[in-house]
Amino acid sequence: MLNREVVREFIFDKLNEVDLKIPADIDKKELVEAFCNFTEEDYYEWLKDNFVTFFNDYDPDWAWIKNYIEKHR
């Protein structure tokens, strides 16, 4: 689950960078929540895809995984 306050700061910083204004009839808290929900749904799909890839379609190459762990310590 995303930290809503961190996401809020991110959204408003990015909107300011590109000079976009939020319409008055959109609640800022609801906008942050909607963006978090959107991102979390996509994130979960991304995690599932990466799980399958990392574990080699459920036939993991444990030597590769151990090497990967070593390289990223």
Protein backbone atom coordinates (compact mmCIF):
# COMPACT_ATOMS: atom_id res chain seq x y z
CA MET A 1 0.00 0.00 0.00
CA LEU A 2 1.31 3.39 -0.95
CA ASN A 3 1.96 6.13 1.57
CA ARG A 4 -0.76 8.65 0.73
CA GLU A 5 1.18 11.64 2.06
CA VAL A 6 4.24 10.80 -0.04
CA VAL A 7 2.04 10.32 -3.11
CA ARG A 8 0.23 13.61 -2.37
CA GLU A 9 3.54 15.49 -2.32
CA PHE A 10 4.64 13.73 -5.50
CA ILE A 11 1.42 14.54 -7.37
CA PHE A 12 1.36 18.19 -6.40
CA ASP A 13 5.09 18.66 -7.11
CA LYS A 14 4.68 17.12 -10.57
CA LEU A 15 1.55 19.13 -11.33
CA ASN A 16 3.40 22.32 -10.34
CA GLU A 17 6.38 21.38 -12.52
CA VAL A 18 4.19 21.16 -15.61
CA ASP A 19 1.93 24.02 -14.53
CA LEU A 20 -1.30 21.99 -14.36
CA LYS A 21 -4.16 23.18 -12.19
CA ILE A 22 -6.65 20.83 -10.57
CA PRO A 23 -10.24 21.75 -11.43
CA ALA A 24 -12.09 23.29 -8.48
CA ASP A 25 -14.72 20.54 -8.52
CA ILE A 26 -12.14 17.78 -7.87
CA ASP A 27 -11.36 17.16 -4.22
CA LYS A 28 -7.59 16.93 -3.71
CA LYS A 29 -7.84 14.11 -1.17
CA GLU A 30 -10.07 12.11 -3.52
CA LEU A 31 -7.66 12.78 -6.38
CA VAL A 32 -4.76 11.40 -4.34
CA GLU A 33 -6.81 8.34 -3.36
CA ALA A 34 -7.87 7.70 -6.96
CA PHE A 35 -4.26 7.97 -8.17
CA CYS A 36 -3.10 5.60 -5.40
CA ASN A 37 -5.78 3.06 -6.31
CA PHE A 38 -4.86 3.32 -10.00
CA THR A 39 -1.17 2.86 -9.21
CA GLU A 40 -1.70 0.00 -6.75
CA GLU A 41 -3.78 -1.95 -9.25
CA ASP A 42 -1.06 -1.57 -11.88
CA TYR A 43 1.66 -2.31 -9.33
CA TYR A 44 0.08 -5.63 -8.36
CA GLU A 45 -0.04 -6.74 -12.02
CA TRP A 46 3.57 -5.66 -12.45
CA LEU A 47 4.58 -7.68 -9.36
CA LYS A 48 2.82 -10.79 -10.69
CA ASP A 49 4.58 -10.49 -14.06
CA ASN A 50 7.96 -9.97 -12.44
CA PHE A 51 7.42 -12.91 -10.09
CA VAL A 52 6.92 -15.25 -13.04
CA THR A 53 10.00 -13.85 -14.80
CA PHE A 54 12.26 -13.87 -11.74
CA PHE A 55 11.29 -17.45 -10.90
CA ASN A 56 11.68 -18.54 -14.54
CA ASP A 57 8.06 -19.57 -15.18
CA TYR A 58 7.98 -21.57 -11.91
CA ASP A 59 11.21 -23.41 -12.71
CA PRO A 60 13.68 -21.22 -10.82
CA ASP A 61 17.37 -21.17 -11.59
CA TRP A 62 18.57 -20.99 -8.00
CA ALA A 63 22.20 -20.48 -9.04
CA TRP A 64 21.16 -17.40 -11.05
CA ILE A 65 19.08 -16.14 -8.12
CA LYS A 66 21.97 -16.61 -5.65
CA ASN A 67 24.28 -14.76 -8.05
CA TYR A 68 21.73 -11.97 -8.43
CA ILE A 69 21.47 -11.66 -4.65
CA GLU A 70 25.25 -11.47 -4.33
CA LYS A 71 25.55 -8.79 -7.00
CA HIS A 72 22.87 -6.63 -5.35
CA ARG A 73 24.02 -6.77 -1.74
